[in-house]
Amino acid sequence: MVAAMMDVEETTFDLFLRYGLFFGAIFQLVCIGAAIFGPEISENHSKDDNSEDSGSEHGSPTNAGPKHSGQHSRRKLDKKKRR
């Protein structure tokens, strides 16, 4: 309100910043609206898109981590208890 009383000239950067923030807010609202009201994807349609990956489901497991990691943590806890 104080700036409105004073005759302050706006620079090009001030205008760019004001309109950039304005359009950014509109863009965010459009994106949120598209996420909420966007078209629903049926399961049949999503399975058709992933037809290339269907062979990998029957292949080797993707998580190749050690199977005994739970056993290792129990051993560590047992060692701490002994001290």
PDB file of N, CA and C in Angstrom:
ATOM      1  N   MET A   1       0.825  -1.177   0.000  1.00  0.00           N
ATOM      2  CA  MET A   1       0.000   0.000   0.000  1.00  0.00           C
ATOM      3  C   MET A   1       0.874   1.247   0.000  1.00  0.00           C
ATOM      4  N   VAL A   2       1.998   1.167   0.660  1.00  0.00           N
ATOM      5  CA  VAL A   2       2.911   2.303   0.690  1.00  0.00           C
ATOM      6  C   VAL A   2       3.490   2.528  -0.696  1.00  0.00           C
ATOM      7  N   ALA A   3       3.766   1.431  -1.415  1.00  0.00           N
ATOM      8  CA  ALA A   3       4.318   1.556  -2.757  1.00  0.00           C
ATOM      9  C   ALA A   3       3.303   2.169  -3.705  1.00  0.00           C
ATOM     10  N   ALA A   4       2.004   1.943  -3.457  1.00  0.00           N
ATOM     11  CA  ALA A   4       0.977   2.531  -4.310  1.00  0.00           C
ATOM     12  C   ALA A   4       0.896   4.034  -4.099  1.00  0.00           C
ATOM     13  N   MET A   5       1.160   4.496  -2.886  1.00  0.00           N
ATOM     14  CA  MET A   5       1.116   5.925  -2.607  1.00  0.00           C
ATOM     15  C   MET A   5       2.318   6.634  -3.208  1.00  0.00           C
ATOM     16  N   MET A   6       3.426   5.952  -3.229  1.00  0.00           N
ATOM     17  CA  MET A   6       4.624   6.538  -3.802  1.00  0.00           C
ATOM     18  C   MET A   6       4.634   6.256  -5.294  1.00  0.00           C
ATOM     19  N   ASP A   7       5.068   7.208  -6.073  1.00  0.00           N
ATOM     20  CA  ASP A   7       5.146   7.008  -7.519  1.00  0.00           C
ATOM     21  C   ASP A   7       6.473   6.345  -7.848  1.00  0.00           C
ATOM     22  N   VAL A   8       6.493   5.004  -7.725  1.00  0.00           N
ATOM     23  CA  VAL A   8       7.699   4.241  -7.987  1.00  0.00           C
ATOM     24  C   VAL A   8       7.559   3.610  -9.353  1.00  0.00           C
ATOM     25  N   GLU A   9       8.528   3.836 -10.195  1.00  0.00           N
ATOM     26  CA  GLU A   9       8.505   3.252 -11.527  1.00  0.00           C
ATOM     27  C   GLU A   9       8.933   1.795 -11.452  1.00  0.00           C
ATOM     28  N   GLU A  10       8.203   0.946 -12.144  1.00  0.00           N
ATOM     29  CA  GLU A  10       8.555  -0.478 -12.160  1.00  0.00           C
ATOM     30  C   GLU A  10       9.598  -0.709 -13.239  1.00  0.00           C
ATOM     31  N   THR A  11      10.586  -1.493 -12.894  1.00  0.00           N
ATOM     32  CA  THR A  11      11.610  -1.818 -13.867  1.00  0.00           C
ATOM     33  C   THR A  11      11.160  -3.017 -14.695  1.00  0.00           C
ATOM     34  N   THR A  12      11.913  -3.330 -15.704  1.00  0.00           N
ATOM     35  CA  THR A  12      11.597  -4.466 -16.565  1.00  0.00           C
ATOM     36  C   THR A  12      11.662  -5.759 -15.774  1.00  0.00           C
ATOM     37  N   PHE A  13      12.612  -5.841 -14.860  1.00  0.00           N
ATOM     38  CA  PHE A  13      12.734  -7.045 -14.042  1.00  0.00           C
ATOM     39  C   PHE A  13      11.519  -7.225 -13.149  1.00  0.00           C
ATOM     40  N   ASP A  14      10.997  -6.140 -12.587  1.00  0.00           N
ATOM     41  CA  ASP A  14       9.803  -6.223 -11.745  1.00  0.00           C
ATOM     42  C   ASP A  14       8.603  -6.728 -12.541  1.00  0.00           C
ATOM     43  N   LEU A  15       8.440  -6.237 -13.754  1.00  0.00           N
ATOM     44  CA  LEU A  15       7.336  -6.701 -14.608  1.00  0.00           C
ATOM     45  C   LEU A  15       7.503  -8.165 -14.977  1.00  0.00           C
ATOM     46  N   PHE A  16       8.729  -8.527 -15.336  1.00  0.00           N
ATOM     47  CA  PHE A  16       9.007  -9.920 -15.686  1.00  0.00           C
ATOM     48  C   PHE A  16       8.722 -10.842 -14.511  1.00  0.00           C
ATOM     49  N   LEU A  17       9.131 -10.427 -13.322  1.00  0.00           N
ATOM     50  CA  LEU A  17       8.916 -11.226 -12.126  1.00  0.00           C
ATOM     51  C   LEU A  17       7.432 -11.352 -11.813  1.00  0.00           C
ATOM     52  N   ARG A  18       6.684 -10.249 -11.905  1.00  0.00           N
ATOM     53  CA  ARG A  18       5.254 -10.275 -11.605  1.00  0.00           C
ATOM     54  C   ARG A  18       4.508 -11.205 -12.569  1.00  0.00           C
ATOM     55  N   TYR A  19       4.733 -11.034 -13.866  1.00  0.00           N
ATOM     56  CA  TYR A  19       4.004 -11.856 -14.830  1.00  0.00           C
ATOM     57  C   TYR A  19       4.506 -13.296 -14.838  1.00  0.00           C
ATOM     58  N   GLY A  20       5.777 -13.501 -14.554  1.00  0.00           N
ATOM     59  CA  GLY A  20       6.302 -14.861 -14.467  1.00  0.00           C
ATOM     60  C   GLY A  20       5.677 -15.630 -13.321  1.00  0.00           C
ATOM     61  N   LEU A  21       5.537 -14.976 -12.176  1.00  0.00           N
ATOM     62  CA  LEU A  21       4.885 -15.625 -11.035  1.00  0.00           C
ATOM     63  C   LEU A  21       3.408 -15.884 -11.320  1.00  0.00           C
ATOM     64  N   PHE A  22       2.768 -14.959 -12.006  1.00  0.00           N
ATOM     65  CA  PHE A  22       1.359 -15.106 -12.357  1.00  0.00           C
ATOM     66  C   PHE A  22       1.152 -16.312 -13.268  1.00  0.00           C
ATOM     67  N   PHE A  23       1.944 -16.405 -14.328  1.00  0.00           N
ATOM     68  CA  PHE A  23       1.811 -17.539 -15.246  1.00  0.00           C
ATOM     69  C   PHE A  23       2.255 -18.846 -14.599  1.00  0.00           C
ATOM     70  N   GLY A  24       3.219 -18.792 -13.703  1.00  0.00           N
ATOM     71  CA  GLY A  24       3.643 -19.992 -12.981  1.00  0.00           C
ATOM     72  C   GLY A  24       2.531 -20.538 -12.101  1.00  0.00           C
ATOM     73  N   ALA A  25       1.791 -19.630 -11.451  1.00  0.00           N
ATOM     74  CA  ALA A  25       0.675 -20.063 -10.604  1.00  0.00           C
ATOM     75  C   ALA A  25      -0.439 -20.682 -11.443  1.00  0.00           C
ATOM     76  N   ILE A  26      -0.717 -20.089 -12.597  1.00  0.00           N
ATOM     77  CA  ILE A  26      -1.739 -20.650 -13.487  1.00  0.00           C
ATOM     78  C   ILE A  26      -1.303 -22.026 -13.982  1.00  0.00           C
ATOM     79  N   PHE A  27      -0.031 -22.175 -14.336  1.00  0.00           N
ATOM     80  CA  PHE A  27       0.478 -23.458 -14.803  1.00  0.00           C
ATOM     81  C   PHE A  27       0.348 -24.523 -13.725  1.00  0.00           C
ATOM     82  N   GLN A  28       0.640 -24.174 -12.481  1.00  0.00           N
ATOM     83  CA  GLN A  28       0.504 -25.127 -11.378  1.00  0.00           C
ATOM     84  C   GLN A  28      -0.948 -25.549 -11.196  1.00  0.00           C
ATOM     85  N   LEU A  29      -1.874 -24.605 -11.298  1.00  0.00           N
ATOM     86  CA  LEU A  29      -3.290 -24.941 -11.160  1.00  0.00           C
ATOM     87  C   LEU A  29      -3.745 -25.867 -12.283  1.00  0.00           C
ATOM     88  N   VAL A  30      -3.266 -25.625 -13.502  1.00  0.00           N
ATOM     89  CA  VAL A  30      -3.615 -26.497 -14.621  1.00  0.00           C
ATOM     90  C   VAL A  30      -3.061 -27.900 -14.398  1.00  0.00           C
ATOM     91  N   CYS A  31      -1.837 -28.003 -13.916  1.00  0.00           N
ATOM     92  CA  CYS A  31      -1.234 -29.323 -13.666  1.00  0.00           C
ATOM     93  C   CYS A  31      -1.968 -30.074 -12.562  1.00  0.00           C
ATOM     94  N   ILE A  32      -2.334 -29.374 -11.505  1.00  0.00           N
ATOM     95  CA  ILE A  32      -3.079 -30.024 -10.415  1.00  0.00           C
ATOM     96  C   ILE A  32      -4.445 -30.467 -10.911  1.00  0.00           C
ATOM     97  N   GLY A  33      -5.102 -29.628 -11.706  1.00  0.00           N
ATOM     98  CA  GLY A  33      -6.401 -29.995 -12.274  1.00  0.00           C
ATOM     99  C   GLY A  33      -6.289 -31.197 -13.186  1.00  0.00           C
ATOM    100  N   ALA A  34      -5.221 -31.271 -13.979  1.00  0.00           N
ATOM    101  CA  ALA A  34      -5.030 -32.418 -14.864  1.00  0.00           C
ATOM    102  C   ALA A  34      -4.777 -33.691 -14.067  1.00  0.00           C
ATOM    103  N   ALA A  35      -4.073 -33.574 -12.948  1.00  0.00           N
ATOM    104  CA  ALA A  35      -3.808 -34.754 -12.122  1.00  0.00           C
ATOM    105  C   ALA A  35      -5.081 -35.246 -11.452  1.00  0.00           C
ATOM    106  N   ILE A  36      -5.944 -34.328 -11.064  1.00  0.00           N
ATOM    107  CA  ILE A  36      -7.171 -34.724 -10.366  1.00  0.00           C
ATOM    108  C   ILE A  36      -8.243 -35.182 -11.339  1.00  0.00           C
ATOM    109  N   PHE A  37      -8.457 -34.396 -12.386  1.00  0.00           N
ATOM    110  CA  PHE A  37      -9.565 -34.661 -13.297  1.00  0.00           C
ATOM    111  C   PHE A  37      -9.130 -35.341 -14.590  1.00  0.00           C
ATOM    112  N   GLY A  38      -7.900 -35.794 -14.670  1.00  0.00           N
ATOM    113  CA  GLY A  38      -7.385 -36.427 -15.878  1.00  0.00           C
ATOM    114  C   GLY A  38      -8.077 -37.746 -16.157  1.00  0.00           C
ATOM    115  N   PRO A  39      -7.869 -38.285 -17.346  1.00  0.00           N
ATOM    116  CA  PRO A  39      -8.519 -39.547 -17.707  1.00  0.00           C
ATOM    117  C   PRO A  39      -7.985 -40.703 -16.876  1.00  0.00           C
ATOM    118  N   GLU A  40      -8.879 -41.583 -16.510  1.00  0.00           N
ATOM    119  CA  GLU A  40      -8.504 -42.771 -15.762  1.00  0.00           C
ATOM    120  C   GLU A  40      -7.903 -43.801 -16.716  1.00  0.00           C
ATOM    121  N   ILE A  41      -6.892 -44.515 -16.269  1.00  0.00           N
ATOM    122  CA  ILE A  41      -6.271 -45.564 -17.075  1.00  0.00           C
ATOM    123  C   ILE A  41      -6.792 -46.895 -16.566  1.00  0.00           C
ATOM    124  N   SER A  42      -7.414 -47.648 -17.459  1.00  0.00           N
ATOM    125  CA  SER A  42      -7.928 -48.950 -17.058  1.00  0.00           C
ATOM    126  C   SER A  42      -6.785 -49.952 -16.980  1.00  0.00           C
ATOM    127  N   GLU A  43      -7.019 -51.068 -16.299  1.00  0.00           N
ATOM    128  CA  GLU A  43      -5.968 -52.074 -16.148  1.00  0.00           C
ATOM    129  C   GLU A  43      -5.646 -52.735 -17.485  1.00  0.00           C
ATOM    130  N   ASN A  44      -6.631 -52.937 -18.309  1.00  0.00           N
ATOM    131  CA  ASN A  44      -6.391 -53.562 -19.616  1.00  0.00           C
ATOM    132  C   ASN A  44      -5.499 -52.679 -20.464  1.00  0.00           C
ATOM    133  N   HIS A  45      -5.716 -51.387 -20.422  1.00  0.00           N
ATOM    134  CA  HIS A  45      -4.916 -50.468 -21.222  1.00  0.00           C
ATOM    135  C   HIS A  45      -3.481 -50.423 -20.716  1.00  0.00           C
ATOM    136  N   SER A  46      -3.297 -50.419 -19.412  1.00  0.00           N
ATOM    137  CA  SER A  46      -1.938 -50.358 -18.882  1.00  0.00           C
ATOM    138  C   SER A  46      -1.178 -51.660 -19.122  1.00  0.00           C
ATOM    139  N   LYS A  47      -1.876 -52.784 -19.169  1.00  0.00           N
ATOM    140  CA  LYS A  47      -1.202 -54.053 -19.453  1.00  0.00           C
ATOM    141  C   LYS A  47      -0.756 -54.108 -20.907  1.00  0.00           C
ATOM    142  N   ASP A  48      -1.532 -53.517 -21.821  1.00  0.00           N
ATOM    143  CA  ASP A  48      -1.147 -53.500 -23.223  1.00  0.00           C
ATOM    144  C   ASP A  48       0.107 -52.669 -23.439  1.00  0.00           C
ATOM    145  N   ASP A  49       0.244 -51.580 -22.704  1.00  0.00           N
ATOM    146  CA  ASP A  49       1.425 -50.736 -22.840  1.00  0.00           C
ATOM    147  C   ASP A  49       2.678 -51.429 -22.331  1.00  0.00           C
ATOM    148  N   ASN A  50       2.543 -52.296 -21.353  1.00  0.00           N
ATOM    149  CA  ASN A  50       3.690 -52.977 -20.763  1.00  0.00           C
ATOM    150  C   ASN A  50       3.911 -54.357 -21.364  1.00  0.00           C
ATOM    151  N   SER A  51       3.423 -54.589 -22.586  1.00  0.00           N
ATOM    152  CA  SER A  51       3.567 -55.907 -23.188  1.00  0.00           C
ATOM    153  C   SER A  51       5.029 -56.252 -23.454  1.00  0.00           C
ATOM    154  N   GLU A  52       5.873 -55.240 -23.648  1.00  0.00           N
ATOM    155  CA  GLU A  52       7.293 -55.495 -23.873  1.00  0.00           C
ATOM    156  C   GLU A  52       7.962 -56.025 -22.616  1.00  0.00           C
ATOM    157  N   ASP A  53       7.479 -55.587 -21.457  1.00  0.00           N
ATOM    158  CA  ASP A  53       8.082 -55.984 -20.194  1.00  0.00           C
ATOM    159  C   ASP A  53       7.493 -57.272 -19.637  1.00  0.00           C
ATOM    160  N   SER A  54       6.507 -57.857 -20.295  1.00  0.00           N
ATOM    161  CA  SER A  54       5.843 -59.032 -19.736  1.00  0.00           C
ATOM    162  C   SER A  54       6.785 -60.236 -19.656  1.00  0.00           C
ATOM    163  N   GLY A  55       7.774 -60.318 -20.534  1.00  0.00           N
ATOM    164  CA  GLY A  55       8.717 -61.424 -20.488  1.00  0.00           C
ATOM    165  C   GLY A  55       9.652 -61.331 -19.303  1.00  0.00           C
ATOM    166  N   SER A  56       9.907 -60.137 -18.832  1.00  0.00           N
ATOM    167  CA  SER A  56      10.841 -59.981 -17.723  1.00  0.00           C
ATOM    168  C   SER A  56      10.220 -60.392 -16.392  1.00  0.00           C
ATOM    169  N   GLU A  57       8.894 -60.515 -16.332  1.00  0.00           N
ATOM    170  CA  GLU A  57       8.264 -60.931 -15.087  1.00  0.00           C
ATOM    171  C   GLU A  57       8.611 -62.374 -14.739  1.00  0.00           C
ATOM    172  N   HIS A  58       8.837 -63.201 -15.742  1.00  0.00           N
ATOM    173  CA  HIS A  58       9.116 -64.611 -15.516  1.00  0.00           C
ATOM    174  C   HIS A  58      10.607 -64.900 -15.473  1.00  0.00           C
ATOM    175  N   GLY A  59      11.414 -63.880 -15.622  1.00  0.00           N
ATOM    176  CA  GLY A  59      12.860 -64.060 -15.623  1.00  0.00           C
ATOM    177  C   GLY A  59      13.413 -64.098 -14.218  1.00  0.00           C
ATOM    178  N   SER A  60      14.658 -63.706 -14.099  1.00  0.00           N
ATOM    179  CA  SER A  60      15.318 -63.737 -12.798  1.00  0.00           C
ATOM    180  C   SER A  60      14.755 -62.633 -11.897  1.00  0.00           C
ATOM    181  N   PRO A  61      14.830 -62.814 -10.596  1.00  0.00           N
ATOM    182  CA  PRO A  61      14.305 -61.786  -9.688  1.00  0.00           C
ATOM    183  C   PRO A  61      15.126 -60.508  -9.779  1.00  0.00           C
ATOM    184  N   THR A  62      14.453 -59.378  -9.592  1.00  0.00           N
ATOM    185  CA  THR A  62      15.142 -58.101  -9.733  1.00  0.00           C
ATOM    186  C   THR A  62      15.924 -57.738  -8.484  1.00  0.00           C
ATOM    187  N   ASN A  63      15.468 -58.165  -7.322  1.00  0.00           N
ATOM    188  CA  ASN A  63      16.209 -57.840  -6.107  1.00  0.00           C
ATOM    189  C   ASN A  63      17.199 -58.967  -5.826  1.00  0.00           C
ATOM    190  N   ALA A  64      18.444 -58.714  -6.160  1.00  0.00           N
ATOM    191  CA  ALA A  64      19.475 -59.732  -6.019  1.00  0.00           C
ATOM    192  C   ALA A  64      20.273 -59.518  -4.735  1.00  0.00           C
ATOM    193  N   GLY A  65      19.646 -58.956  -3.722  1.00  0.00           N
ATOM    194  CA  GLY A  65      20.325 -58.695  -2.462  1.00  0.00           C
ATOM    195  C   GLY A  65      20.583 -59.982  -1.709  1.00  0.00           C
ATOM    196  N   PRO A  66      21.416 -59.914  -0.679  1.00  0.00           N
ATOM    197  CA  PRO A  66      21.700 -61.119   0.102  1.00  0.00           C
ATOM    198  C   PRO A  66      20.455 -61.575   0.860  1.00  0.00           C
ATOM    199  N   LYS A  67      20.259 -62.872   0.898  1.00  0.00           N
ATOM    200  CA  LYS A  67      19.072 -63.426   1.538  1.00  0.00           C
ATOM    201  C   LYS A  67      19.239 -63.538   3.046  1.00  0.00           C
ATOM    202  N   HIS A  68      20.438 -63.440   3.520  1.00  0.00           N
ATOM    203  CA  HIS A  68      20.705 -63.634   4.935  1.00  0.00           C
ATOM    204  C   HIS A  68      20.925 -62.314   5.658  1.00  0.00           C
ATOM    205  N   SER A  69      20.428 -61.215   5.135  1.00  0.00           N
ATOM    206  CA  SER A  69      20.679 -59.924   5.771  1.00  0.00           C
ATOM    207  C   SER A  69      19.988 -59.835   7.130  1.00  0.00           C
ATOM    208  N   GLY A  70      18.812 -60.442   7.286  1.00  0.00           N
ATOM    209  CA  GLY A  70      18.136 -60.443   8.575  1.00  0.00           C
ATOM    210  C   GLY A  70      18.921 -61.225   9.603  1.00  0.00           C
ATOM    211  N   GLN A  71      19.541 -62.312   9.169  1.00  0.00           N
ATOM    212  CA  GLN A  71      20.344 -63.142  10.064  1.00  0.00           C
ATOM    213  C   GLN A  71      21.584 -62.374  10.521  1.00  0.00           C
ATOM    214  N   HIS A  72      22.152 -61.593   9.614  1.00  0.00           N
ATOM    215  CA  HIS A  72      23.346 -60.819   9.939  1.00  0.00           C
ATOM    216  C   HIS A  72      23.040 -59.778  11.018  1.00  0.00           C
ATOM    217  N   SER A  73      21.902 -59.101  10.899  1.00  0.00           N
ATOM    218  CA  SER A  73      21.575 -58.083  11.891  1.00  0.00           C
ATOM    219  C   SER A  73      21.302 -58.712  13.258  1.00  0.00           C
ATOM    220  N   ARG A  74      20.724 -59.906  13.272  1.00  0.00           N
ATOM    221  CA  ARG A  74      20.502 -60.583  14.551  1.00  0.00           C
ATOM    222  C   ARG A  74      21.822 -60.939  15.207  1.00  0.00           C
ATOM    223  N   ARG A  75      22.786 -61.360  14.417  1.00  0.00           N
ATOM    224  CA  ARG A  75      24.100 -61.692  14.973  1.00  0.00           C
ATOM    225  C   ARG A  75      24.763 -60.466  15.572  1.00  0.00           C
ATOM    226  N   LYS A  76      24.628 -59.324  14.893  1.00  0.00           N
ATOM    227  CA  LYS A  76      25.219 -58.100  15.412  1.00  0.00           C
ATOM    228  C   LYS A  76      24.603 -57.737  16.753  1.00  0.00           C
ATOM    229  N   LEU A  77      23.297 -57.862  16.849  1.00  0.00           N
ATOM    230  CA  LEU A  77      22.626 -57.538  18.102  1.00  0.00           C
ATOM    231  C   LEU A  77      23.054 -58.489  19.219  1.00  0.00           C
ATOM    232  N   ASP A  78      23.224 -59.758  18.881  1.00  0.00           N
ATOM    233  CA  ASP A  78      23.668 -60.723  19.883  1.00  0.00           C
ATOM    234  C   ASP A  78      25.068 -60.356  20.388  1.00  0.00           C
ATOM    235  N   LYS A  79      25.947 -59.952  19.504  1.00  0.00           N
ATOM    236  CA  LYS A  79      27.299 -59.577  19.915  1.00  0.00           C
ATOM    237  C   LYS A  79      27.255 -58.349  20.822  1.00  0.00           C
ATOM    238  N   LYS A  80      26.388 -57.385  20.527  1.00  0.00           N
ATOM    239  CA  LYS A  80      26.289 -56.203  21.375  1.00  0.00           C
ATOM    240  C   LYS A  80      25.774 -56.573  22.754  1.00  0.00           C
ATOM    241  N   LYS A  81      24.868 -57.531  22.820  1.00  0.00           N
ATOM    242  CA  LYS A  81      24.288 -57.929  24.101  1.00  0.00           C
ATOM    243  C   LYS A  81      25.346 -58.591  24.991  1.00  0.00           C
ATOM    244  N   ARG A  82      26.276 -59.313  24.396  1.00  0.00           N
ATOM    245  CA  ARG A  82      27.303 -60.008  25.164  1.00  0.00           C
ATOM    246  C   ARG A  82      28.272 -59.048  25.823  1.00  0.00           C
ATOM    247  N   ARG A  83      28.472 -57.903  25.261  1.00  0.00           N
ATOM    248  CA  ARG A  83      29.469 -56.951  25.795  1.00  0.00           C
ATOM    249  C   ARG A  83      29.053 -56.358  27.064  1.00  0.00           C
TER     250      ARG A  83
END
